[in-house]
C-alpha atoms as a PDB file:
ATOM      1  CA  UNK A   1       0.033   0.133  -0.011  1.00  0.00           C
ATOM      2  CA  UNK A   2       1.342   3.467  -0.916  1.00  0.00           C
ATOM      3  CA  UNK A   3       1.707   6.219   1.470  1.00  0.00           C
ATOM      4  CA  UNK A   4      -0.969   8.147  -0.334  1.00  0.00           C
ATOM      5  CA  UNK A   5      -3.506   5.438   0.181  1.00  0.00           C
ATOM      6  CA  UNK A   6      -2.658   4.778   3.726  1.00  0.00           C
ATOM      7  CA  UNK A   7      -5.153   5.983   6.495  1.00  0.00           C
ATOM      8  CA  UNK A   8      -4.217   8.945   8.513  1.00  0.00           C
ATOM      9  CA  UNK A   9      -2.930   8.318  11.806  1.00  0.00           C
ATOM     10  CA  UNK A  10      -5.296   8.821  14.634  1.00  0.00           C
ATOM     11  CA  UNK A  11      -4.669  11.833  16.805  1.00  0.00           C
ATOM     12  CA  UNK A  12      -3.250  10.686  19.968  1.00  0.00           C
ATOM     13  CA  UNK A  13      -4.914  11.513  23.164  1.00  0.00           C
ATOM     14  CA  UNK A  14      -3.103  13.443  26.032  1.00  0.00           C
ATOM     15  CA  UNK A  15      -1.161  11.120  28.320  1.00  0.00           C
ATOM     16  CA  UNK A  16      -3.065  10.894  31.758  1.00  0.00           C
ATOM     17  CA  UNK A  17      -0.145  11.661  33.775  1.00  0.00           C
ATOM     18  CA  UNK A  18       0.589  14.793  31.684  1.00  0.00           C
ATOM     19  CA  UNK A  19      -2.923  15.724  31.828  1.00  0.00           C
ATOM     20  CA  UNK A  20      -2.878  15.285  35.692  1.00  0.00           C
ATOM     21  CA  UNK A  21       0.326  17.319  35.949  1.00  0.00           C
ATOM     22  CA  UNK A  22      -1.154  20.098  33.866  1.00  0.00           C
ATOM     23  CA  UNK A  23      -4.320  20.409  35.905  1.00  0.00           C
ATOM     24  CA  UNK A  24      -2.398  20.299  39.225  1.00  0.00           C
ATOM     25  CA  UNK A  25      -0.039  23.105  37.763  1.00  0.00           C
ATOM     26  CA  UNK A  26      -3.159  25.288  36.890  1.00  0.00           C
ATOM     27  CA  UNK A  27      -4.590  24.698  40.187  1.00  0.00           C
ATOM     28  CA  UNK A  28      -1.434  25.485  42.171  1.00  0.00           C
ATOM     29  CA  UNK A  29      -0.829  28.680  40.313  1.00  0.00           C
ATOM     30  CA  UNK A  30      -4.206  30.072  40.640  1.00  0.00           C
ATOM     31  CA  UNK A  31      -4.480  30.047  44.437  1.00  0.00           C
ATOM     32  CA  UNK A  32      -2.231  30.121  47.611  1.00  0.00           C
ATOM     33  CA  UNK A  33      -1.393  26.551  47.486  1.00  0.00           C
ATOM     34  CA  UNK A  34       1.607  26.341  49.560  1.00  0.00           C
ATOM     35  CA  UNK A  35       0.217  28.541  52.224  1.00  0.00           C
ATOM     36  CA  UNK A  36      -2.919  26.310  52.500  1.00  0.00           C
ATOM     37  CA  UNK A  37      -0.631  23.151  52.354  1.00  0.00           C
ATOM     38  CA  UNK A  38       1.482  24.499  55.392  1.00  0.00           C
ATOM     39  CA  UNK A  39      -1.765  25.580  57.367  1.00  0.00           C
ATOM     40  CA  UNK A  40      -3.166  21.967  56.960  1.00  0.00           C
ATOM     41  CA  UNK A  41       0.032  20.508  58.043  1.00  0.00           C
ATOM     42  CA  UNK A  42       0.235  22.821  60.899  1.00  0.00           C
ATOM     43  CA  UNK A  43      -3.184  21.577  62.163  1.00  0.00           C
ATOM     44  CA  UNK A  44      -2.465  17.699  62.041  1.00  0.00           C
ATOM     45  CA  UNK A  45      -0.046  17.709  64.989  1.00  0.00           C
ATOM     46  CA  UNK A  46      -2.120  19.967  67.114  1.00  0.00           C
ATOM     47  CA  UNK A  47      -5.180  17.860  67.008  1.00  0.00           C
ATOM     48  CA  UNK A  48      -3.413  14.498  66.866  1.00  0.00           C
ATOM     49  CA  UNK A  49      -1.302  14.585  69.962  1.00  0.00           C
ATOM     50  CA  UNK A  50      -3.949  15.313  72.657  1.00  0.00           C
ATOM     51  CA  UNK A  51      -5.959  12.140  71.698  1.00  0.00           C
ATOM     52  CA  UNK A  52      -2.961   9.956  70.827  1.00  0.00           C
ATOM     53  CA  UNK A  53      -1.837   7.466  73.543  1.00  0.00           C
ATOM     54  CA  UNK A  54       1.865   8.412  73.789  1.00  0.00           C
ATOM     55  CA  UNK A  55       4.066   6.098  75.923  1.00  0.00           C
ATOM     56  CA  UNK A  56       7.208   7.400  77.497  1.00  0.00           C
ATOM     57  CA  UNK A  57       9.248   4.657  79.298  1.00  0.00           C
ATOM     58  CA  UNK A  58       5.961   2.733  80.129  1.00  0.00           C
ATOM     59  CA  UNK A  59       4.084   5.916  81.231  1.00  0.00           C
ATOM     60  CA  UNK A  60       1.045   6.706  79.032  1.00  0.00           C
ATOM     61  CA  UNK A  61       0.498  10.543  78.148  1.00  0.00           C
ATOM     62  CA  UNK A  62      -2.961  11.563  77.359  1.00  0.00           C
ATOM     63  CA  UNK A  63      -4.665  15.175  77.061  1.00  0.00           C
ATOM     64  CA  UNK A  64      -8.381  14.131  76.301  1.00  0.00           C
ATOM     65  CA  UNK A  65      -9.488  16.991  78.759  1.00  0.00           C
ATOM     66  CA  UNK A  66     -10.480  20.581  78.280  1.00  0.00           C
ATOM     67  CA  UNK A  67      -7.109  21.324  76.836  1.00  0.00           C
ATOM     68  CA  UNK A  68      -7.395  18.303  74.379  1.00  0.00           C
ATOM     69  CA  UNK A  69     -10.754  19.973  73.303  1.00  0.00           C
ATOM     70  CA  UNK A  70      -9.113  23.397  72.663  1.00  0.00           C
ATOM     71  CA  UNK A  71      -6.457  21.670  70.879  1.00  0.00           C
ATOM     72  CA  UNK A  72      -8.779  19.720  68.723  1.00  0.00           C
ATOM     73  CA  UNK A  73     -10.827  22.960  67.900  1.00  0.00           C
ATOM     74  CA  UNK A  74      -7.546  24.821  66.890  1.00  0.00           C
ATOM     75  CA  UNK A  75      -6.320  22.003  64.804  1.00  0.00           C
ATOM     76  CA  UNK A  76      -9.544  21.661  62.899  1.00  0.00           C
ATOM     77  CA  UNK A  77      -9.749  25.367  62.243  1.00  0.00           C
ATOM     78  CA  UNK A  78      -6.218  25.440  60.841  1.00  0.00           C
ATOM     79  CA  UNK A  79      -7.187  22.549  58.543  1.00  0.00           C
ATOM     80  CA  UNK A  80     -10.370  24.412  57.349  1.00  0.00           C
ATOM     81  CA  UNK A  81      -8.543  27.544  57.072  1.00  0.00           C
ATOM     82  CA  UNK A  82      -5.975  25.873  54.832  1.00  0.00           C
ATOM     83  CA  UNK A  83      -8.425  24.494  52.632  1.00  0.00           C
ATOM     84  CA  UNK A  84     -10.381  27.870  52.479  1.00  0.00           C
ATOM     85  CA  UNK A  85      -7.238  29.301  51.059  1.00  0.00           C
ATOM     86  CA  UNK A  86      -7.277  26.708  48.351  1.00  0.00           C
ATOM     87  CA  UNK A  87     -10.923  26.692  47.344  1.00  0.00           C
ATOM     88  CA  UNK A  88     -11.798  30.274  48.266  1.00  0.00           C
ATOM     89  CA  UNK A  89      -8.804  32.502  47.354  1.00  0.00           C
ATOM     90  CA  UNK A  90     -10.850  35.604  47.688  1.00  0.00           C
ATOM     91  CA  UNK A  91     -10.689  35.392  51.577  1.00  0.00           C
ATOM     92  CA  UNK A  92      -6.960  34.404  51.586  1.00  0.00           C
ATOM     93  CA  UNK A  93      -6.012  37.537  53.771  1.00  0.00           C
ATOM     94  CA  UNK A  94      -8.502  36.536  56.365  1.00  0.00           C
ATOM     95  CA  UNK A  95      -7.383  32.899  56.322  1.00  0.00           C
ATOM     96  CA  UNK A  96      -3.940  34.001  56.500  1.00  0.00           C
ATOM     97  CA  UNK A  97      -4.357  36.275  59.527  1.00  0.00           C
ATOM     98  CA  UNK A  98      -6.544  33.765  61.239  1.00  0.00           C
ATOM     99  CA  UNK A  99      -3.912  30.849  60.653  1.00  0.00           C
ATOM    100  CA  UNK A 100      -1.351  33.183  62.213  1.00  0.00           C
ATOM    101  CA  UNK A 101      -3.283  34.049  65.464  1.00  0.00           C
ATOM    102  CA  UNK A 102      -4.418  30.356  65.937  1.00  0.00           C
ATOM    103  CA  UNK A 103      -0.993  29.210  65.638  1.00  0.00           C
ATOM    104  CA  UNK A 104       0.197  31.681  68.283  1.00  0.00           C
ATOM    105  CA  UNK A 105      -2.804  30.631  70.546  1.00  0.00           C
ATOM    106  CA  UNK A 106      -1.824  26.969  70.159  1.00  0.00           C
ATOM    107  CA  UNK A 107       1.463  27.793  72.085  1.00  0.00           C
ATOM    108  CA  UNK A 108      -0.123  27.914  75.456  1.00  0.00           C
ATOM    109  CA  UNK A 109      -3.319  25.903  74.776  1.00  0.00           C
ATOM    110  CA  UNK A 110      -2.108  22.729  73.013  1.00  0.00           C
ATOM    111  CA  UNK A 111       1.307  21.685  74.367  1.00  0.00           C
ATOM    112  CA  UNK A 112       3.425  24.315  72.747  1.00  0.00           C
ATOM    113  CA  UNK A 113       1.749  24.184  69.462  1.00  0.00           C
ATOM    114  CA  UNK A 114       1.968  20.324  68.988  1.00  0.00           C
ATOM    115  CA  UNK A 115       5.289  19.909  70.754  1.00  0.00           C
ATOM    116  CA  UNK A 116       6.625  22.585  68.474  1.00  0.00           C
ATOM    117  CA  UNK A 117       5.924  20.939  65.250  1.00  0.00           C
ATOM    118  CA  UNK A 118       3.162  23.196  64.207  1.00  0.00           C
ATOM    119  CA  UNK A 119       4.615  26.724  65.065  1.00  0.00           C
ATOM    120  CA  UNK A 120       6.692  27.184  61.944  1.00  0.00           C
ATOM    121  CA  UNK A 121       4.260  25.795  59.307  1.00  0.00           C
ATOM    122  CA  UNK A 122       1.597  27.772  60.877  1.00  0.00           C
ATOM    123  CA  UNK A 123       3.262  31.105  60.871  1.00  0.00           C
ATOM    124  CA  UNK A 124       4.801  30.552  57.437  1.00  0.00           C
ATOM    125  CA  UNK A 125       1.657  29.225  55.898  1.00  0.00           C
ATOM    126  CA  UNK A 126      -0.390  32.308  57.262  1.00  0.00           C
ATOM    127  CA  UNK A 127       2.160  34.696  55.980  1.00  0.00           C
ATOM    128  CA  UNK A 128       2.180  32.972  52.581  1.00  0.00           C
ATOM    129  CA  UNK A 129      -1.755  33.238  52.212  1.00  0.00           C
ATOM    130  CA  UNK A 130      -1.559  36.922  53.215  1.00  0.00           C
ATOM    131  CA  UNK A 131       1.228  37.709  50.741  1.00  0.00           C
ATOM    132  CA  UNK A 132      -0.040  35.775  47.764  1.00  0.00           C
ATOM    133  CA  UNK A 133      -1.995  37.703  44.881  1.00  0.00           C
ATOM    134  CA  UNK A 134      -3.272  36.366  41.612  1.00  0.00           C
ATOM    135  CA  UNK A 135      -1.604  37.182  38.392  1.00  0.00           C
ATOM    136  CA  UNK A 136      -2.866  40.495  36.858  1.00  0.00           C
ATOM    137  CA  UNK A 137      -5.181  40.049  33.762  1.00  0.00           C
ATOM    138  CA  UNK A 138      -4.060  41.203  30.396  1.00  0.00           C
ATOM    139  CA  UNK A 139      -5.044  44.799  29.651  1.00  0.00           C
ATOM    140  CA  UNK A 140      -6.609  45.083  26.186  1.00  0.00           C
ATOM    141  CA  UNK A 141      -4.843  48.540  25.862  1.00  0.00           C
ATOM    142  CA  UNK A 142      -1.521  46.914  26.238  1.00  0.00           C
ATOM    143  CA  UNK A 143      -2.470  44.356  23.541  1.00  0.00           C
ATOM    144  CA  UNK A 144      -3.442  47.115  20.959  1.00  0.00           C
ATOM    145  CA  UNK A 145      -0.133  49.062  21.686  1.00  0.00           C
ATOM    146  CA  UNK A 146       2.023  46.876  19.339  1.00  0.00           C
ATOM    147  CA  UNK A 147      -0.475  47.286  16.619  1.00  0.00           C
ATOM    148  CA  UNK A 148      -0.417  51.019  16.943  1.00  0.00           C
ATOM    149  CA  UNK A 149       3.564  51.031  16.814  1.00  0.00           C
ATOM    150  CA  UNK A 150       3.360  48.978  13.647  1.00  0.00           C
ATOM    151  CA  UNK A 151       0.988  51.524  12.069  1.00  0.00           C
ATOM    152  CA  UNK A 152       3.284  54.464  12.818  1.00  0.00           C
ATOM    153  CA  UNK A 153       6.303  52.635  11.418  1.00  0.00           C
ATOM    154  CA  UNK A 154       4.419  51.767   8.172  1.00  0.00           C
ATOM    155  CA  UNK A 155       3.383  55.486   7.952  1.00  0.00           C
ATOM    156  CA  UNK A 156       7.111  56.641   8.786  1.00  0.00           C
ATOM    157  CA  UNK A 157       8.206  54.070   5.897  1.00  0.00           C
ATOM    158  CA  UNK A 158       5.996  55.752   3.234  1.00  0.00           C
ATOM    159  CA  UNK A 159       8.045  58.949   3.261  1.00  0.00           C
ATOM    160  CA  UNK A 160      11.360  57.194   2.719  1.00  0.00           C
ATOM    161  CA  UNK A 161      11.335  56.491  -0.860  1.00  0.00           C
ATOM    162  CA  UNK A 162      10.676  60.113  -1.785  1.00  0.00           C
ATOM    163  CA  UNK A 163      13.668  61.224   0.260  1.00  0.00           C
ATOM    164  CA  UNK A 164      15.766  58.594  -1.295  1.00  0.00           C
ATOM    165  CA  UNK A 165      14.726  59.707  -4.692  1.00  0.00           C
ATOM    166  CA  UNK A 166      15.669  63.382  -4.121  1.00  0.00           C
ATOM    167  CA  UNK A 167      19.066  62.407  -2.827  1.00  0.00           C
ATOM    168  CA  UNK A 168      19.730  60.274  -5.929  1.00  0.00           C
ATOM    169  CA  UNK A 169      18.710  63.281  -8.427  1.00  0.00           C
ATOM    170  CA  UNK A 170      20.916  65.549  -6.513  1.00  0.00           C
ATOM    171  CA  UNK A 171      23.909  63.351  -6.655  1.00  0.00           C
ATOM    172  CA  UNK A 172      23.454  62.900 -10.377  1.00  0.00           C
ATOM    173  CA  UNK A 173      23.538  66.641 -10.863  1.00  0.00           C
ATOM    174  CA  UNK A 174      19.983  66.588 -12.259  1.00  0.00           C
ATOM    175  CA  UNK A 175      17.583  69.201 -10.851  1.00  0.00           C
ATOM    176  CA  UNK A 176      15.335  67.702  -8.240  1.00  0.00           C
ATOM    177  CA  UNK A 177      11.544  67.658  -8.732  1.00  0.00           C
ATOM    178  CA  UNK A 178       9.864  69.990  -6.421  1.00  0.00           C
ATOM    179  CA  UNK A 179       8.335  67.827  -3.559  1.00  0.00           C
ATOM    180  CA  UNK A 180       5.065  68.528  -2.019  1.00  0.00           C
ATOM    181  CA  UNK A 181       5.297  70.085   1.597  1.00  0.00           C
ATOM    182  CA  UNK A 182       4.856  67.495   4.344  1.00  0.00           C
ATOM    183  CA  UNK A 183       1.729  67.098   6.114  1.00  0.00           C
ATOM    184  CA  UNK A 184       1.161  68.112   9.648  1.00  0.00           C
ATOM    185  CA  UNK A 185       2.607  64.613  10.748  1.00  0.00           C
ATOM    186  CA  UNK A 186       5.863  65.340   9.250  1.00  0.00           C
ATOM    187  CA  UNK A 187       6.433  62.003   7.520  1.00  0.00           C
ATOM    188  CA  UNK A 188       3.655  61.581   5.319  1.00  0.00           C
ATOM    189  CA  UNK A 189       3.470  63.706   1.951  1.00  0.00           C
ATOM    190  CA  UNK A 190       0.834  66.258   1.514  1.00  0.00           C
ATOM    191  CA  UNK A 191      -0.782  64.184  -1.273  1.00  0.00           C
ATOM    192  CA  UNK A 192      -1.480  61.334   1.082  1.00  0.00           C
ATOM    193  CA  UNK A 193      -2.770  63.738   3.734  1.00  0.00           C
ATOM    194  CA  UNK A 194      -5.443  64.853   1.356  1.00  0.00           C
ATOM    195  CA  UNK A 195      -4.249  68.215   0.040  1.00  0.00           C
ATOM    196  CA  UNK A 196      -4.629  69.075  -3.633  1.00  0.00           C
ATOM    197  CA  UNK A 197      -1.470  68.890  -5.769  1.00  0.00           C
ATOM    198  CA  UNK A 198      -0.379  72.077  -7.290  1.00  0.00           C
ATOM    199  CA  UNK A 199      -0.561  72.495 -11.061  1.00  0.00           C
ATOM    200  CA  UNK A 200       1.929  74.562 -13.054  1.00  0.00           C
END
């Protein structure tokens, strides 16, 4: 079978792994992703340790009391604020401030902020959510600016052949034909500007 009679090759579908990476990249770039992730990670130790049966040399540690309830509330709120930063980027400043304050409150309330594991992620995540800003949208005026520059260059180029012809005539010793005066723009001849041609 010749190549002209061969069936066209079917269009390959996008690789699922590449599609997942592209969707995740778009998701990550359109919201304070890292700030929300750090806030979620800061909430997990705070709400885990009070209800975990930790054993230290045969001695069991438990905090399932009012302090444990406070730790659970703070941990759940940190997780919710991190997810809010992901799915509602409009309220990212509120979520960032609340994350920072709850992280500081967890120091005295819940064992030094989950034994110190939640302090840095909570403070950094709150700061990242406050500092994040969406990419600016493309301004239509900026998109039209290159087209306007091209129009000005084209109008300038129209006057160049006439000037070159005058220079050639003067170099050859021939009397140069009188050129019409330039229009108000300075680069477009008067005839193109709409002025009548002078008849002799």
